[in-house]
Amino acid sequence: MGKEGFTPMCPRCAHESISKLAGSPVAGAWEVLQCQRCLYTWRTTEPDRRTKRDSYPEAFKMTQADIDNAPEVPAIPALRGRG
């Protein structure tokens, strides 16, 4: 995952535990990565403002405290039947 010798880092929370969720059907074209702490997900071909911590917008960066104190996201309700 990523370039040799490069440790991927979450652009949003700077965590280094990143998982590969998917890869391009064309080998090496792109990967979809996800941070294991804040769950931010990105494709490696997106611009630096979405993929690199130093270019990620300050207003959207998170710390562990931000994550710990974030409100719970509500569950998605079941689909209604047709009728």
Protein backbone atom coordinates (compact mmCIF):
# COMPACT_ATOMS: atom_id res chain seq x y z
CA MET A 1 0.00 0.00 0.00
CA GLY A 2 1.50 3.31 -1.03
CA LYS A 3 5.06 4.03 -2.08
CA GLU A 4 7.90 1.94 -0.73
CA GLY A 5 9.23 3.43 2.51
CA PHE A 6 6.19 5.71 2.82
CA THR A 7 3.94 5.29 5.86
CA PRO A 8 0.42 6.35 4.99
CA MET A 9 -1.17 8.80 7.40
CA CYS A 10 -4.80 9.80 7.70
CA PRO A 11 -5.27 13.29 6.24
CA ARG A 12 -8.00 14.04 8.79
CA CYS A 13 -6.65 12.74 12.12
CA ALA A 14 -2.96 11.87 11.43
CA HIS A 15 -3.42 8.25 12.55
CA GLU A 16 -1.09 5.74 10.89
CA SER A 17 -3.36 2.68 10.98
CA ILE A 18 -4.72 2.73 7.44
CA SER A 19 -6.52 -0.14 5.69
CA LYS A 20 -6.93 -0.75 2.00
CA LEU A 21 -10.64 -1.19 1.22
CA ALA A 22 -10.41 -1.61 -2.54
CA GLY A 23 -8.06 -1.46 -5.47
CA SER A 24 -8.43 -0.52 -9.10
CA PRO A 25 -9.15 -3.29 -11.59
CA VAL A 26 -6.10 -1.87 -13.39
CA ALA A 27 -3.19 -2.84 -11.14
CA GLY A 28 -1.66 0.14 -9.34
CA ALA A 29 -4.04 2.77 -10.81
CA TRP A 30 -5.64 3.67 -7.44
CA GLU A 31 -6.61 2.34 -4.02
CA VAL A 32 -9.40 3.23 -1.62
CA LEU A 33 -7.97 3.66 1.89
CA GLN A 34 -9.67 4.05 5.27
CA CYS A 35 -8.37 5.35 8.58
CA GLN A 36 -8.97 2.87 11.40
CA ARG A 37 -9.41 5.64 13.99
CA CYS A 38 -11.72 8.26 12.43
CA LEU A 39 -12.98 6.14 9.50
CA TYR A 40 -12.13 8.82 6.91
CA THR A 41 -12.03 7.17 3.48
CA TRP A 42 -10.25 8.40 0.35
CA ARG A 43 -9.02 7.30 -3.06
CA THR A 44 -5.30 7.69 -3.65
CA THR A 45 -5.86 9.61 -6.89
CA GLU A 46 -7.76 12.45 -5.19
CA PRO A 47 -6.04 15.86 -4.85
CA ASP A 48 -3.60 16.59 -2.00
CA ARG A 49 -6.29 18.51 -0.06
CA ARG A 50 -8.05 15.14 0.36
CA THR A 51 -5.07 12.78 0.67
CA LYS A 52 -2.22 14.56 2.49
CA ARG A 53 -2.31 15.79 6.09
CA ASP A 54 -0.32 18.98 5.43
CA SER A 55 -2.76 20.00 2.65
CA TYR A 56 -5.99 18.90 4.36
CA PRO A 57 -8.18 21.89 5.40
CA GLU A 58 -7.52 22.91 9.02
CA ALA A 59 -11.25 23.31 9.71
CA PHE A 60 -11.79 19.60 9.07
CA LYS A 61 -8.76 18.12 10.85
CA MET A 62 -9.54 16.04 13.95
CA THR A 63 -7.69 15.01 17.08
CA GLN A 64 -8.35 11.97 19.27
CA ALA A 65 -10.26 14.28 21.64
CA ASP A 66 -12.46 15.50 18.77
CA ILE A 67 -13.26 11.90 17.88
CA ASP A 68 -13.92 10.90 21.50
CA ASN A 69 -16.31 13.82 21.96
CA ALA A 70 -18.09 13.60 18.61
CA PRO A 71 -21.84 13.08 18.75
CA GLU A 72 -23.01 9.63 17.81
CA VAL A 73 -24.15 9.32 14.22
CA PRO A 74 -27.76 8.08 14.11
CA ALA A 75 -28.44 4.69 12.59
CA ILE A 76 -29.97 4.55 9.12
CA PRO A 77 -33.61 3.47 9.45
CA ALA A 78 -34.90 0.40 7.63
CA LEU A 79 -36.33 0.92 4.17
CA ARG A 80 -40.06 1.33 3.98
CA GLY A 81 -41.97 -1.26 2.01
CA ARG A 82 -43.40 -0.32 -1.35
CA GLY A 83 -47.05 0.19 -1.47
